[in-house]
Amino acid sequence: MTLPFLITAESELLDLVLKLAAAAGTDVHVSPVVEPEPWRSAPLVLVGEDLLGSVAARGVPRRDEVIVVAHRDPFDDDSDVPTTVWRDAVAIGASHVVRLPDAQRWLIDQFADSADAPSTGGPVLAVTPACGGAGATTLSRALTASVAGALYVDLDPFGVSDDDTSTGGLRWPDLAATRGRIPPASLRDALPAMGSARYLGGFSDDVPQEAVATVLEAGARGFPLTVVDAPRALSGPVRAAWARSDVVTLVVGPDERRAVDAQAVVHAVRESGNRVVVVPRLSAGPLVGWHLELANLLHTDVLPPMRHDRALARGDSMNGPVPRSLRSTVAALLESIAPHHRIGAA
């Protein structure tokens, strides 16, 4: 079960909230900073008034069930909430601003309700090539095929053609003006099928980053896995995808000449404040071993290498098992996010 999420650095507030959560029979995930995954998936988010300003300044994506909470001295006669608190609460989409211990009983009820709230969402993984032809689309398709009911989001204007999906269904031009929240069930029903997954394609430069963020938020809330095929670019939509991904996977290959190209991309992803892992893509010839130095060169985790699969790249294998040449890579990538997610195989 995903835990409620408390963002605070105030010890008195922390102690009181933990006691109230215990009274409701639940634990709480606590952090002094916004963590993207629990912000998206937690059934309830509490933002301490002490860190409310920094959370609002970060520009977090809107979500339901956000409460601003503060600890009030019972001997303090001034119970009015400052105007700045109301302003920042509105900025993050909070539904309530409460003071403790005044709202103790009410907050216990909120914790109890959150314990009953189902969570069907899963991680968001962006896959980006270090250079053209690295194999990012192949890995994106393998990841999508590995989890039943996954969502495949294509941000490449030259990505999968409509012939690779079932007829009908929404494409990016239909969602370009979308803002706010999309019910995941509605998105699932409206998108074309790609094997057991759903697919969103037809991307163009006319699609703003706000629409990308909205779609990925719906994916994180309602799909067991959301895979973003993100091209090597520094555009707003690609940066939005990186920022809202639990892990950004950089595909490097197929030889040592491409490793240098990866350094700039790793730096750009880290500037977005996200974790990056590297997957080497080996050539079809004999194993040379150039990929063994990638960890030292890029200062990041390197997962088991993959080999190109033409059938999967064309979309021919989306209904079948993941090809053997990619199984260890896919398993290691899903395992790397396992501490926060339970992901069922297709």
Protein backbone atom coordinates (compact mmCIF):
# COMPACT_ATOMS: atom_id res chain seq x y z
CA MET A 1 0.00 0.00 0.00
CA THR A 2 1.26 3.49 -0.88
CA LEU A 3 1.64 5.62 2.26
CA PRO A 4 0.44 9.17 2.93
CA PHE A 5 3.22 11.68 2.29
CA LEU A 6 4.24 14.43 4.76
CA ILE A 7 6.59 17.25 3.74
CA THR A 8 8.00 19.07 6.78
CA ALA A 9 11.19 19.82 8.68
CA GLU A 10 9.45 20.94 11.89
CA SER A 11 9.94 18.38 14.67
CA GLU A 12 6.83 19.30 16.70
CA LEU A 13 4.58 19.08 13.66
CA LEU A 14 6.19 15.81 12.62
CA ASP A 15 5.64 14.21 16.04
CA LEU A 16 2.00 15.26 16.18
CA VAL A 17 1.17 14.10 12.65
CA LEU A 18 2.82 10.72 13.24
CA LYS A 19 0.76 10.22 16.39
CA LEU A 20 -2.45 11.03 14.50
CA ALA A 21 -1.50 8.67 11.68
CA ALA A 22 -0.80 5.90 14.20
CA ALA A 23 -4.22 6.50 15.74
CA ALA A 24 -5.71 5.89 12.28
CA GLY A 25 -3.65 2.72 11.86
CA THR A 26 -1.30 3.91 9.14
CA ASP A 27 2.33 4.91 8.66
CA VAL A 28 3.54 8.05 6.89
CA HIS A 29 6.33 8.64 4.40
CA VAL A 30 8.19 11.78 5.58
CA SER A 31 10.60 14.00 3.68
CA PRO A 32 11.86 17.60 3.98
CA VAL A 33 11.64 17.96 0.17
CA VAL A 34 9.16 17.16 -2.58
CA GLU A 35 9.81 13.67 -3.94
CA PRO A 36 8.17 13.19 -7.37
CA GLU A 37 7.02 9.59 -6.93
CA PRO A 38 5.19 9.91 -3.58
CA TRP A 39 3.81 13.30 -4.63
CA ARG A 40 2.12 11.58 -7.57
CA SER A 41 1.07 8.29 -6.03
CA ALA A 42 0.41 8.92 -2.31
CA PRO A 43 -3.29 8.72 -1.38
CA LEU A 44 -2.87 11.83 0.79
CA VAL A 45 -0.23 14.58 0.81
CA LEU A 46 0.36 16.84 3.82
CA VAL A 47 2.50 19.93 3.33
CA GLY A 48 3.83 21.54 6.49
CA GLU A 49 3.38 25.28 6.67
CA ASP A 50 7.12 25.55 7.36
CA LEU A 51 7.96 24.30 3.84
CA LEU A 52 4.85 25.46 1.99
CA GLY A 53 6.63 28.38 0.32
CA SER A 54 9.40 26.20 -1.11
CA VAL A 55 6.89 23.62 -2.37
CA ALA A 56 4.83 26.32 -4.08
CA ALA A 57 7.95 27.86 -5.63
CA ARG A 58 8.86 24.51 -7.18
CA GLY A 59 5.70 24.49 -9.30
CA VAL A 60 4.56 20.97 -8.44
CA PRO A 61 1.93 19.32 -10.67
CA ARG A 62 -1.67 19.54 -9.47
CA ARG A 63 -3.20 16.53 -7.73
CA ASP A 64 -6.10 15.72 -5.43
CA GLU A 65 -5.95 15.21 -1.65
CA VAL A 66 -3.39 17.86 -0.68
CA ILE A 67 -3.65 19.42 2.80
CA VAL A 68 -1.58 22.22 4.30
CA VAL A 69 -1.01 21.61 8.00
CA ALA A 70 0.64 23.60 10.78
CA HIS A 71 1.21 23.25 14.51
CA ARG A 72 -0.41 26.04 16.55
CA ASP A 73 0.71 26.95 20.04
CA PRO A 74 -2.42 26.49 22.23
CA PHE A 75 -1.43 29.60 24.23
CA ASP A 76 -1.25 31.72 21.07
CA ASP A 77 -4.47 33.73 20.65
CA ASP A 78 -3.70 34.54 17.02
CA SER A 79 -5.36 31.72 15.07
CA ASP A 80 -5.70 33.55 11.74
CA VAL A 81 -4.00 31.93 8.78
CA PRO A 82 -1.59 34.39 7.08
CA THR A 83 -2.48 35.60 3.60
CA THR A 84 0.77 34.20 2.21
CA VAL A 85 -0.23 30.71 3.41
CA TRP A 86 -3.57 30.90 1.61
CA ARG A 87 -1.83 32.14 -1.53
CA ASP A 88 0.70 29.29 -1.55
CA ALA A 89 -1.98 26.73 -0.67
CA VAL A 90 -3.98 27.78 -3.72
CA ALA A 91 -0.81 27.63 -5.83
CA ILE A 92 -0.26 23.92 -5.04
CA GLY A 93 -3.94 23.02 -5.30
CA ALA A 94 -4.48 22.28 -1.59
CA SER A 95 -8.06 21.49 -0.62
CA HIS A 96 -7.68 22.43 3.07
CA VAL A 97 -5.49 24.50 5.41
CA VAL A 98 -5.65 23.17 8.97
CA ARG A 99 -3.99 23.87 12.31
CA LEU A 100 -3.15 21.27 14.93
CA PRO A 101 -4.18 20.36 17.54
CA ASP A 102 -7.52 22.01 16.54
CA ALA A 103 -8.08 19.67 13.58
CA GLN A 104 -6.83 16.44 15.18
CA ARG A 105 -10.05 14.45 14.89
CA TRP A 106 -10.63 15.57 11.33
CA LEU A 107 -7.09 14.65 10.27
CA ILE A 108 -7.36 11.18 11.82
CA ASP A 109 -10.44 10.64 9.66
CA GLN A 110 -8.49 11.74 6.57
CA PHE A 111 -5.75 9.25 7.35
CA ALA A 112 -8.31 6.49 7.82
CA ASP A 113 -9.98 7.34 4.51
CA SER A 114 -6.63 7.35 2.70
CA ALA A 115 -5.85 3.86 3.96
CA ASP A 116 -8.90 2.61 2.06
CA ALA A 117 -8.06 4.47 -1.17
CA PRO A 118 -7.00 2.14 -4.00
CA SER A 119 -3.83 2.97 -5.94
CA THR A 120 -3.55 1.62 -9.48
CA GLY A 121 -0.80 3.91 -10.73
CA GLY A 122 2.79 2.99 -11.41
CA PRO A 123 6.12 4.51 -12.39
CA VAL A 124 6.92 6.76 -15.33
CA LEU A 125 10.09 5.85 -17.25
CA ALA A 126 11.58 8.06 -19.94
CA VAL A 127 13.88 6.44 -22.51
CA THR A 128 16.21 8.75 -24.44
CA PRO A 129 18.97 7.95 -26.98
CA ALA A 130 22.47 9.35 -26.60
CA CYS A 131 22.52 9.65 -30.40
CA GLY A 132 20.36 8.74 -33.37
CA GLY A 133 19.81 5.04 -33.89
CA ALA A 134 20.89 4.05 -30.39
CA GLY A 135 17.85 1.81 -29.83
CA ALA A 136 15.68 3.89 -27.49
CA THR A 137 12.48 2.96 -29.33
CA THR A 138 13.38 -0.72 -29.18
CA LEU A 139 13.87 -0.53 -25.41
CA SER A 140 10.70 1.57 -24.98
CA ARG A 141 8.66 -1.07 -26.77
CA ALA A 142 10.26 -3.89 -24.78
CA LEU A 143 9.41 -2.15 -21.51
CA THR A 144 5.84 -1.53 -22.68
CA ALA A 145 5.40 -5.14 -23.77
CA SER A 146 6.70 -6.40 -20.41
CA VAL A 147 3.82 -4.97 -18.33
CA ALA A 148 0.18 -5.66 -19.16
CA GLY A 149 -1.89 -2.50 -19.56
CA ALA A 150 1.10 -0.15 -19.84
CA LEU A 151 0.97 3.27 -21.52
CA TYR A 152 3.42 4.10 -24.33
CA VAL A 153 3.86 7.86 -24.86
CA ASP A 154 5.78 8.80 -28.00
CA LEU A 155 7.35 12.29 -28.07
CA ASP A 156 9.21 11.71 -31.32
CA PRO A 157 7.61 13.57 -34.28
CA PHE A 158 9.01 10.78 -36.51
CA GLY A 159 7.91 7.98 -34.19
CA VAL A 160 5.54 5.06 -34.69
CA SER A 161 3.20 5.40 -37.65
CA ASP A 162 -0.56 5.05 -37.28
CA ASP A 163 -0.30 1.73 -39.15
CA ASP A 164 1.37 0.23 -36.07
CA THR A 165 -1.68 0.82 -33.89
CA SER A 166 -5.34 -0.04 -34.11
CA THR A 167 -7.52 2.31 -36.11
CA GLY A 168 -9.12 5.26 -34.36
CA GLY A 169 -8.31 6.69 -30.98
CA LEU A 170 -6.82 9.93 -29.76
CA ARG A 171 -3.48 11.30 -30.94
CA TRP A 172 -1.36 14.16 -29.65
CA PRO A 173 -3.13 16.84 -31.76
CA ASP A 174 -6.36 15.93 -29.95
CA LEU A 175 -4.75 16.56 -26.55
CA ALA A 176 -2.55 19.57 -27.35
CA ALA A 177 -4.87 22.01 -25.55
CA THR A 178 -5.38 19.78 -22.51
CA ARG A 179 -4.70 21.26 -19.07
CA GLY A 180 -5.48 20.24 -15.51
CA ARG A 181 -6.33 16.58 -14.92
CA ILE A 182 -7.36 13.72 -17.19
CA PRO A 183 -9.18 10.74 -15.63
CA PRO A 184 -6.88 7.78 -16.33
CA ALA A 185 -9.82 5.53 -17.24
CA SER A 186 -11.01 8.03 -19.85
CA LEU A 187 -7.51 8.28 -21.32
CA ARG A 188 -7.21 4.49 -21.48
CA ASP A 189 -10.54 4.13 -23.25
CA ALA A 190 -9.74 6.86 -25.77
CA LEU A 191 -6.25 5.76 -26.88
CA PRO A 192 -5.50 3.18 -29.59
CA ALA A 193 -4.18 -0.22 -28.59
CA MET A 194 -0.65 -1.49 -29.21
CA GLY A 195 -0.63 -5.11 -28.15
CA SER A 196 -1.90 -5.13 -24.56
CA ALA A 197 -0.77 -1.52 -24.09
CA ARG A 198 -2.19 1.87 -25.00
CA TYR A 199 -0.34 4.22 -27.31
CA LEU A 200 -0.24 8.00 -27.72
CA GLY A 201 1.53 9.17 -30.87
CA GLY A 202 1.39 11.78 -33.60
CA PHE A 203 3.58 14.23 -31.69
CA SER A 204 4.49 17.60 -33.20
CA ASP A 205 6.16 20.84 -32.15
CA ASP A 206 2.68 22.32 -31.61
CA VAL A 207 2.16 20.20 -28.48
CA PRO A 208 3.11 22.26 -25.37
CA GLN A 209 4.90 20.87 -22.35
CA GLU A 210 1.80 21.45 -20.19
CA ALA A 211 -0.10 18.87 -22.22
CA VAL A 212 2.77 16.39 -21.83
CA ALA A 213 2.80 16.93 -18.08
CA THR A 214 -0.97 16.40 -17.89
CA VAL A 215 -0.81 13.11 -19.82
CA LEU A 216 2.09 11.78 -17.75
CA GLU A 217 0.31 12.68 -14.53
CA ALA A 218 -2.70 10.63 -15.71
CA GLY A 219 -0.36 7.80 -16.62
CA ALA A 220 1.25 7.84 -13.19
CA ARG A 221 -2.16 7.74 -11.52
CA GLY A 222 -3.87 5.08 -13.59
CA PHE A 223 -1.45 2.88 -15.56
CA PRO A 224 0.83 0.20 -14.07
CA LEU A 225 3.72 1.57 -16.17
CA THR A 226 4.11 4.65 -18.37
CA VAL A 227 6.97 4.55 -20.87
CA VAL A 228 8.00 7.78 -22.60
CA ASP A 229 9.92 7.47 -25.86
CA ALA A 230 11.68 10.85 -25.62
CA PRO A 231 14.03 12.02 -28.39
CA ARG A 232 17.44 13.54 -27.75
CA ALA A 233 16.37 17.18 -27.45
CA LEU A 234 16.26 20.04 -24.98
CA SER A 235 12.70 21.03 -25.83
CA GLY A 236 10.10 21.91 -23.21
CA PRO A 237 8.10 18.69 -23.72
CA VAL A 238 11.19 16.48 -23.36
CA ARG A 239 12.31 18.33 -20.23
CA ALA A 240 8.78 17.96 -18.82
CA ALA A 241 8.97 14.21 -19.47
CA TRP A 242 12.34 13.94 -17.76
CA ALA A 243 11.16 15.95 -14.75
CA ARG A 244 8.07 13.78 -14.27
CA SER A 245 9.81 10.43 -14.71
CA ASP A 246 10.93 8.24 -11.85
CA VAL A 247 14.00 7.23 -13.87
CA VAL A 248 15.40 8.54 -17.15
CA THR A 249 17.08 5.75 -19.12
CA LEU A 250 19.78 6.78 -21.57
CA VAL A 251 20.53 4.28 -24.35
CA VAL A 252 24.17 4.46 -25.50
CA GLY A 253 25.65 2.61 -28.44
CA PRO A 254 26.40 0.64 -30.41
CA ASP A 255 30.14 1.37 -29.96
CA GLU A 256 32.57 3.41 -27.88
CA ARG A 257 32.42 6.38 -30.26
CA ARG A 258 28.88 7.09 -29.04
CA ALA A 259 29.83 7.12 -25.35
CA VAL A 260 31.13 10.68 -25.52
CA ASP A 261 27.77 11.80 -26.94
CA ALA A 262 26.12 10.57 -23.74
CA GLN A 263 27.92 12.97 -21.40
CA ALA A 264 25.96 16.05 -22.47
CA VAL A 265 22.64 14.21 -22.22
CA VAL A 266 23.42 12.89 -18.72
CA HIS A 267 24.25 16.43 -17.64
CA ALA A 268 21.01 17.80 -19.12
CA VAL A 269 18.89 15.15 -17.37
CA ARG A 270 20.54 15.85 -14.04
CA GLU A 271 19.82 19.55 -14.50
CA SER A 272 16.14 18.54 -14.54
CA GLY A 273 16.68 17.11 -11.07
CA ASN A 274 16.14 13.49 -11.96
CA ARG A 275 17.94 10.18 -11.73
CA VAL A 276 19.54 8.80 -14.87
CA VAL A 277 20.67 5.25 -15.64
CA VAL A 278 22.48 4.05 -18.73
CA VAL A 279 21.77 1.05 -20.95
CA PRO A 280 24.50 0.15 -23.48
CA ARG A 281 23.29 -1.13 -26.85
CA LEU A 282 25.79 -3.59 -28.29
CA SER A 283 26.39 -4.19 -31.97
CA ALA A 284 25.48 -7.44 -33.68
CA GLY A 285 29.14 -8.48 -33.94
CA PRO A 286 31.47 -10.00 -31.33
CA LEU A 287 31.41 -8.53 -27.82
CA VAL A 288 34.13 -5.87 -27.53
CA GLY A 289 33.56 -4.65 -23.99
CA TRP A 290 33.67 -0.89 -24.55
CA HIS A 291 30.54 -0.52 -22.36
CA LEU A 292 32.40 -1.67 -19.25
CA GLU A 293 33.92 1.81 -18.84
CA LEU A 294 30.62 3.72 -19.08
CA ALA A 295 30.04 3.86 -15.31
CA ASN A 296 33.38 5.62 -14.77
CA LEU A 297 32.92 7.89 -17.77
CA LEU A 298 29.35 9.00 -17.00
CA HIS A 299 29.34 8.60 -13.19
CA THR A 300 26.00 6.85 -13.17
CA ASP A 301 24.51 3.37 -12.87
CA VAL A 302 24.93 1.16 -15.94
CA LEU A 303 22.42 -1.65 -16.47
CA PRO A 304 22.94 -4.90 -18.42
CA PRO A 305 23.45 -4.24 -22.14
CA MET A 306 20.83 -4.85 -24.81
CA ARG A 307 20.99 -5.76 -28.46
CA HIS A 308 18.84 -4.35 -31.22
CA ASP A 309 15.69 -6.26 -32.19
CA ARG A 310 14.30 -5.35 -35.61
CA ALA A 311 10.92 -7.01 -35.10
CA LEU A 312 10.33 -5.17 -31.83
CA ALA A 313 11.49 -1.87 -33.32
CA ARG A 314 8.88 -2.30 -36.07
CA GLY A 315 6.21 -3.20 -33.53
CA ASP A 316 5.84 -6.79 -34.73
CA SER A 317 6.45 -8.29 -31.28
CA MET A 318 4.20 -6.13 -29.11
CA ASN A 319 1.80 -9.04 -28.53
CA GLY A 320 4.49 -11.58 -27.66
CA PRO A 321 7.07 -12.02 -24.90
CA VAL A 322 10.02 -9.67 -24.58
CA PRO A 323 12.83 -10.92 -26.84
CA ARG A 324 15.63 -12.76 -25.07
CA SER A 325 18.17 -10.11 -26.15
CA LEU A 326 16.37 -7.51 -23.98
CA ARG A 327 15.02 -9.54 -21.05
CA SER A 328 17.89 -8.94 -18.63
CA THR A 329 17.91 -5.21 -19.43
CA VAL A 330 14.16 -4.84 -18.91
CA ALA A 331 14.24 -6.88 -15.69
CA ALA A 332 17.10 -4.81 -14.26
CA LEU A 333 15.40 -1.53 -15.15
CA LEU A 334 12.11 -2.52 -13.53
CA GLU A 335 14.00 -3.86 -10.51
CA SER A 336 15.78 -0.51 -10.13
CA ILE A 337 12.45 1.11 -9.22
CA ALA A 338 11.09 -1.87 -7.27
CA PRO A 339 11.59 -0.28 -3.80
CA HIS A 340 8.74 2.13 -4.59
CA HIS A 341 6.58 0.08 -6.98
CA ARG A 342 5.21 -3.39 -7.47
CA ILE A 343 4.99 -4.00 -11.21
CA GLY A 344 3.26 -7.03 -12.66
CA ALA A 345 4.66 -8.68 -15.75
CA ALA A 346 2.61 -9.06 -18.91
